[in-house]
């Protein structure tokens, strides 16, 4: 991949040296992603959406712990059938809690990935808009070993992204 980029850059330089000066820039997408206002909004949406389920999982855990404490504390004074019933109840509740936790994790990861995909598309949109507005010949994102501050347009992309807020 690096060889292709290098070859592409060399060909661009050779082809355009006699015609015009190239305008090249670099964007640190990770930095843009980290500071994007849309990222904070997405985080709040996810928290709002998944907070009730998270609270329910916490309450299930507390209920199981209470039952386990009761079993440990009162096992010696309980009848055999009562103790077995409580043990089965604890096992059933643990199984339900584990299943609910797995479903929660899967649903949360799926929604987080959806939000991340939307944000990545917005960032790409901002990068393209900046490239057109500022008349860049080439904007690079990944695979760059070094980029001087003169060609780093990350801040401009962040500003463009902020102007594209929902």
C-alpha atoms as a PDB file:
ATOM      1  CA  UNK A   1       0.000   0.000   0.000  1.00  0.00           C
ATOM      2  CA  UNK A   2       2.825   2.406   0.874  1.00  0.00           C
ATOM      3  CA  UNK A   3       4.469   1.634  -2.470  1.00  0.00           C
ATOM      4  CA  UNK A   4       1.263   2.492  -4.305  1.00  0.00           C
ATOM      5  CA  UNK A   5       0.895   5.787  -2.489  1.00  0.00           C
ATOM      6  CA  UNK A   6       4.540   6.636  -3.137  1.00  0.00           C
ATOM      7  CA  UNK A   7       4.217   5.718  -6.798  1.00  0.00           C
ATOM      8  CA  UNK A   8       1.030   7.753  -7.065  1.00  0.00           C
ATOM      9  CA  UNK A   9       2.700  10.782  -5.482  1.00  0.00           C
ATOM     10  CA  UNK A  10       5.731  10.493  -7.759  1.00  0.00           C
ATOM     11  CA  UNK A  11       3.501  10.263 -10.818  1.00  0.00           C
ATOM     12  CA  UNK A  12       1.499  13.273  -9.646  1.00  0.00           C
ATOM     13  CA  UNK A  13       4.657  15.278  -9.115  1.00  0.00           C
ATOM     14  CA  UNK A  14       6.061  14.335 -12.510  1.00  0.00           C
ATOM     15  CA  UNK A  15       2.787  15.040 -14.296  1.00  0.00           C
ATOM     16  CA  UNK A  16       2.082  18.341 -12.577  1.00  0.00           C
ATOM     17  CA  UNK A  17       5.510  19.863 -11.984  1.00  0.00           C
ATOM     18  CA  UNK A  18       5.484  21.744 -15.263  1.00  0.00           C
ATOM     19  CA  UNK A  19       1.818  22.751 -15.060  1.00  0.00           C
ATOM     20  CA  UNK A  20       1.186  23.974 -11.540  1.00  0.00           C
ATOM     21  CA  UNK A  21       2.158  23.666  -7.943  1.00  0.00           C
ATOM     22  CA  UNK A  22       0.415  20.861  -6.070  1.00  0.00           C
ATOM     23  CA  UNK A  23      -1.609  21.564  -2.959  1.00  0.00           C
ATOM     24  CA  UNK A  24      -1.272  18.602  -0.621  1.00  0.00           C
ATOM     25  CA  UNK A  25      -2.646  18.209   2.886  1.00  0.00           C
ATOM     26  CA  UNK A  26      -2.806  15.688   5.684  1.00  0.00           C
ATOM     27  CA  UNK A  27      -5.723  14.911   8.019  1.00  0.00           C
ATOM     28  CA  UNK A  28      -5.372  13.112  11.336  1.00  0.00           C
ATOM     29  CA  UNK A  29      -8.727  11.311  11.269  1.00  0.00           C
ATOM     30  CA  UNK A  30      -8.283   9.852  14.762  1.00  0.00           C
ATOM     31  CA  UNK A  31      -7.877  13.351  16.188  1.00  0.00           C
ATOM     32  CA  UNK A  32     -10.916  14.592  14.275  1.00  0.00           C
ATOM     33  CA  UNK A  33     -12.942  11.628  15.508  1.00  0.00           C
ATOM     34  CA  UNK A  34     -11.858  12.239  19.086  1.00  0.00           C
ATOM     35  CA  UNK A  35     -12.855  15.917  19.084  1.00  0.00           C
ATOM     36  CA  UNK A  36     -15.926  15.797  16.846  1.00  0.00           C
ATOM     37  CA  UNK A  37     -19.000  17.432  18.412  1.00  0.00           C
ATOM     38  CA  UNK A  38     -21.078  14.663  16.839  1.00  0.00           C
ATOM     39  CA  UNK A  39     -19.110  12.086  18.863  1.00  0.00           C
ATOM     40  CA  UNK A  40     -20.245  13.626  22.147  1.00  0.00           C
ATOM     41  CA  UNK A  41     -23.849  13.752  20.921  1.00  0.00           C
ATOM     42  CA  UNK A  42     -23.667  10.093  19.861  1.00  0.00           C
ATOM     43  CA  UNK A  43     -22.253   9.148  23.265  1.00  0.00           C
ATOM     44  CA  UNK A  44     -25.126  10.914  25.020  1.00  0.00           C
ATOM     45  CA  UNK A  45     -27.685   9.218  22.751  1.00  0.00           C
ATOM     46  CA  UNK A  46     -26.196   5.815  23.560  1.00  0.00           C
ATOM     47  CA  UNK A  47     -26.153   6.553  27.291  1.00  0.00           C
ATOM     48  CA  UNK A  48     -29.782   7.660  27.184  1.00  0.00           C
ATOM     49  CA  UNK A  49     -30.828   4.630  25.163  1.00  0.00           C
ATOM     50  CA  UNK A  50     -28.958   2.018  27.208  1.00  0.00           C
ATOM     51  CA  UNK A  51     -29.074   3.515  30.700  1.00  0.00           C
ATOM     52  CA  UNK A  52     -32.384   1.850  31.713  1.00  0.00           C
ATOM     53  CA  UNK A  53     -31.141  -1.582  30.673  1.00  0.00           C
ATOM     54  CA  UNK A  54     -27.849  -1.020  32.475  1.00  0.00           C
ATOM     55  CA  UNK A  55     -29.690  -0.048  35.663  1.00  0.00           C
ATOM     56  CA  UNK A  56     -31.837  -3.167  35.347  1.00  0.00           C
ATOM     57  CA  UNK A  57     -28.705  -5.336  35.025  1.00  0.00           C
ATOM     58  CA  UNK A  58     -27.237  -3.712  38.137  1.00  0.00           C
ATOM     59  CA  UNK A  59     -30.433  -4.355  40.083  1.00  0.00           C
ATOM     60  CA  UNK A  60     -30.428  -8.002  38.937  1.00  0.00           C
ATOM     61  CA  UNK A  61     -26.880  -8.347  40.231  1.00  0.00           C
ATOM     62  CA  UNK A  62     -27.844  -6.832  43.584  1.00  0.00           C
ATOM     63  CA  UNK A  63     -30.835  -9.164  43.855  1.00  0.00           C
ATOM     64  CA  UNK A  64     -28.630 -12.199  43.190  1.00  0.00           C
ATOM     65  CA  UNK A  65     -26.095 -11.023  45.745  1.00  0.00           C
ATOM     66  CA  UNK A  66     -28.838 -10.544  48.335  1.00  0.00           C
ATOM     67  CA  UNK A  67     -30.139 -14.070  47.708  1.00  0.00           C
ATOM     68  CA  UNK A  68     -26.623 -15.513  47.959  1.00  0.00           C
ATOM     69  CA  UNK A  69     -26.053 -13.684  51.249  1.00  0.00           C
ATOM     70  CA  UNK A  70     -29.358 -15.010  52.551  1.00  0.00           C
ATOM     71  CA  UNK A  71     -28.368 -18.543  51.561  1.00  0.00           C
ATOM     72  CA  UNK A  72     -24.966 -18.232  53.222  1.00  0.00           C
ATOM     73  CA  UNK A  73     -26.446 -16.696  56.360  1.00  0.00           C
ATOM     74  CA  UNK A  74     -29.551 -18.888  56.780  1.00  0.00           C
ATOM     75  CA  UNK A  75     -28.588 -22.199  55.149  1.00  0.00           C
ATOM     76  CA  UNK A  76     -28.033 -23.905  58.484  1.00  0.00           C
ATOM     77  CA  UNK A  77     -31.503 -23.017  59.799  1.00  0.00           C
ATOM     78  CA  UNK A  78     -33.416 -23.633  56.537  1.00  0.00           C
ATOM     79  CA  UNK A  79     -35.219 -26.792  55.697  1.00  0.00           C
ATOM     80  CA  UNK A  80     -33.711 -28.963  52.953  1.00  0.00           C
ATOM     81  CA  UNK A  81     -36.453 -28.189  50.395  1.00  0.00           C
ATOM     82  CA  UNK A  82     -36.369 -24.467  51.146  1.00  0.00           C
ATOM     83  CA  UNK A  83     -32.566 -24.383  50.747  1.00  0.00           C
ATOM     84  CA  UNK A  84     -32.714 -26.293  47.426  1.00  0.00           C
ATOM     85  CA  UNK A  85     -35.456 -23.982  46.158  1.00  0.00           C
ATOM     86  CA  UNK A  86     -33.340 -20.924  47.014  1.00  0.00           C
ATOM     87  CA  UNK A  87     -30.264 -22.470  45.338  1.00  0.00           C
ATOM     88  CA  UNK A  88     -32.278 -23.187  42.167  1.00  0.00           C
ATOM     89  CA  UNK A  89     -33.683 -19.663  42.259  1.00  0.00           C
ATOM     90  CA  UNK A  90     -30.151 -18.214  42.480  1.00  0.00           C
ATOM     91  CA  UNK A  91     -28.927 -20.394  39.587  1.00  0.00           C
ATOM     92  CA  UNK A  92     -31.930 -19.386  37.440  1.00  0.00           C
ATOM     93  CA  UNK A  93     -31.468 -15.701  38.187  1.00  0.00           C
ATOM     94  CA  UNK A  94     -27.728 -15.917  37.410  1.00  0.00           C
ATOM     95  CA  UNK A  95     -28.499 -17.561  34.083  1.00  0.00           C
ATOM     96  CA  UNK A  96     -31.076 -14.884  33.225  1.00  0.00           C
ATOM     97  CA  UNK A  97     -28.658 -12.113  34.246  1.00  0.00           C
ATOM     98  CA  UNK A  98     -25.863 -13.601  32.141  1.00  0.00           C
ATOM     99  CA  UNK A  99     -28.157 -13.850  29.105  1.00  0.00           C
ATOM    100  CA  UNK A 100     -29.405 -10.286  29.633  1.00  0.00           C
ATOM    101  CA  UNK A 101     -25.796  -9.034  29.947  1.00  0.00           C
ATOM    102  CA  UNK A 102     -24.822 -10.744  26.676  1.00  0.00           C
ATOM    103  CA  UNK A 103     -27.834  -9.288  24.866  1.00  0.00           C
ATOM    104  CA  UNK A 104     -27.042  -5.865  26.303  1.00  0.00           C
ATOM    105  CA  UNK A 105     -23.422  -6.071  25.134  1.00  0.00           C
ATOM    106  CA  UNK A 106     -24.397  -7.212  21.640  1.00  0.00           C
ATOM    107  CA  UNK A 107     -27.065  -4.526  21.266  1.00  0.00           C
ATOM    108  CA  UNK A 108     -24.784  -1.815  22.641  1.00  0.00           C
ATOM    109  CA  UNK A 109     -21.908  -2.793  20.339  1.00  0.00           C
ATOM    110  CA  UNK A 110     -24.216  -2.873  17.333  1.00  0.00           C
ATOM    111  CA  UNK A 111     -25.612   0.606  18.103  1.00  0.00           C
ATOM    112  CA  UNK A 112     -22.151   2.000  18.881  1.00  0.00           C
ATOM    113  CA  UNK A 113     -20.922   0.713  15.511  1.00  0.00           C
ATOM    114  CA  UNK A 114     -23.910   2.335  13.783  1.00  0.00           C
ATOM    115  CA  UNK A 115     -23.141   5.671  15.437  1.00  0.00           C
ATOM    116  CA  UNK A 116     -19.442   5.340  14.609  1.00  0.00           C
ATOM    117  CA  UNK A 117     -20.274   4.585  10.972  1.00  0.00           C
ATOM    118  CA  UNK A 118     -22.463   7.696  10.743  1.00  0.00           C
ATOM    119  CA  UNK A 119     -19.722   9.801  12.290  1.00  0.00           C
ATOM    120  CA  UNK A 120     -17.073   8.408   9.957  1.00  0.00           C
ATOM    121  CA  UNK A 121     -19.276   9.241   6.968  1.00  0.00           C
ATOM    122  CA  UNK A 122     -19.699  12.812   8.287  1.00  0.00           C
ATOM    123  CA  UNK A 123     -15.938  13.149   8.724  1.00  0.00           C
ATOM    124  CA  UNK A 124     -15.356  11.937   5.175  1.00  0.00           C
ATOM    125  CA  UNK A 125     -17.964  14.415   3.980  1.00  0.00           C
ATOM    126  CA  UNK A 126     -16.160  17.226   5.855  1.00  0.00           C
ATOM    127  CA  UNK A 127     -12.793  16.188   4.421  1.00  0.00           C
ATOM    128  CA  UNK A 128     -14.159  16.163   0.876  1.00  0.00           C
ATOM    129  CA  UNK A 129     -15.884  19.514   1.385  1.00  0.00           C
ATOM    130  CA  UNK A 130     -12.671  21.067   2.706  1.00  0.00           C
ATOM    131  CA  UNK A 131     -10.671  19.595  -0.172  1.00  0.00           C
ATOM    132  CA  UNK A 132     -13.058  21.142  -2.691  1.00  0.00           C
ATOM    133  CA  UNK A 133     -13.392  24.479  -0.880  1.00  0.00           C
ATOM    134  CA  UNK A 134      -9.638  24.879  -0.387  1.00  0.00           C
ATOM    135  CA  UNK A 135      -8.788  23.394  -3.821  1.00  0.00           C
ATOM    136  CA  UNK A 136      -6.499  20.631  -2.574  1.00  0.00           C
ATOM    137  CA  UNK A 137      -4.982  18.359  -5.188  1.00  0.00           C
ATOM    138  CA  UNK A 138      -4.393  15.612  -2.636  1.00  0.00           C
ATOM    139  CA  UNK A 139      -5.441  15.007   0.975  1.00  0.00           C
ATOM    140  CA  UNK A 140      -3.864  12.091   2.800  1.00  0.00           C
ATOM    141  CA  UNK A 141      -5.151  10.452   5.953  1.00  0.00           C
ATOM    142  CA  UNK A 142      -3.521   7.187   6.927  1.00  0.00           C
ATOM    143  CA  UNK A 143      -0.167   5.653   6.219  1.00  0.00           C
ATOM    144  CA  UNK A 144       1.632   8.974   6.529  1.00  0.00           C
ATOM    145  CA  UNK A 145       4.859   8.725   8.496  1.00  0.00           C
ATOM    146  CA  UNK A 146       5.415  12.457   8.737  1.00  0.00           C
ATOM    147  CA  UNK A 147       3.379  15.523   7.883  1.00  0.00           C
ATOM    148  CA  UNK A 148       4.555  19.050   8.577  1.00  0.00           C
ATOM    149  CA  UNK A 149       2.261  21.545  10.281  1.00  0.00           C
ATOM    150  CA  UNK A 150       2.092  23.451   6.989  1.00  0.00           C
ATOM    151  CA  UNK A 151       0.124  20.681   5.288  1.00  0.00           C
ATOM    152  CA  UNK A 152      -1.766  19.369   8.357  1.00  0.00           C
ATOM    153  CA  UNK A 153      -5.370  20.454   7.821  1.00  0.00           C
ATOM    154  CA  UNK A 154      -6.835  18.485  10.717  1.00  0.00           C
ATOM    155  CA  UNK A 155      -8.017  21.643  12.505  1.00  0.00           C
ATOM    156  CA  UNK A 156      -9.740  22.898   9.364  1.00  0.00           C
ATOM    157  CA  UNK A 157     -11.495  19.535   8.976  1.00  0.00           C
ATOM    158  CA  UNK A 158     -12.639  19.757  12.608  1.00  0.00           C
ATOM    159  CA  UNK A 159     -14.037  23.231  11.923  1.00  0.00           C
ATOM    160  CA  UNK A 160     -15.767  22.024   8.752  1.00  0.00           C
ATOM    161  CA  UNK A 161     -17.220  19.059  10.659  1.00  0.00           C
ATOM    162  CA  UNK A 162     -18.480  21.382  13.387  1.00  0.00           C
ATOM    163  CA  UNK A 163     -20.274  23.411  10.726  1.00  0.00           C
ATOM    164  CA  UNK A 164     -21.961  20.230   9.473  1.00  0.00           C
ATOM    165  CA  UNK A 165     -23.568  19.417  12.850  1.00  0.00           C
ATOM    166  CA  UNK A 166     -27.011  17.925  12.796  1.00  0.00           C
END
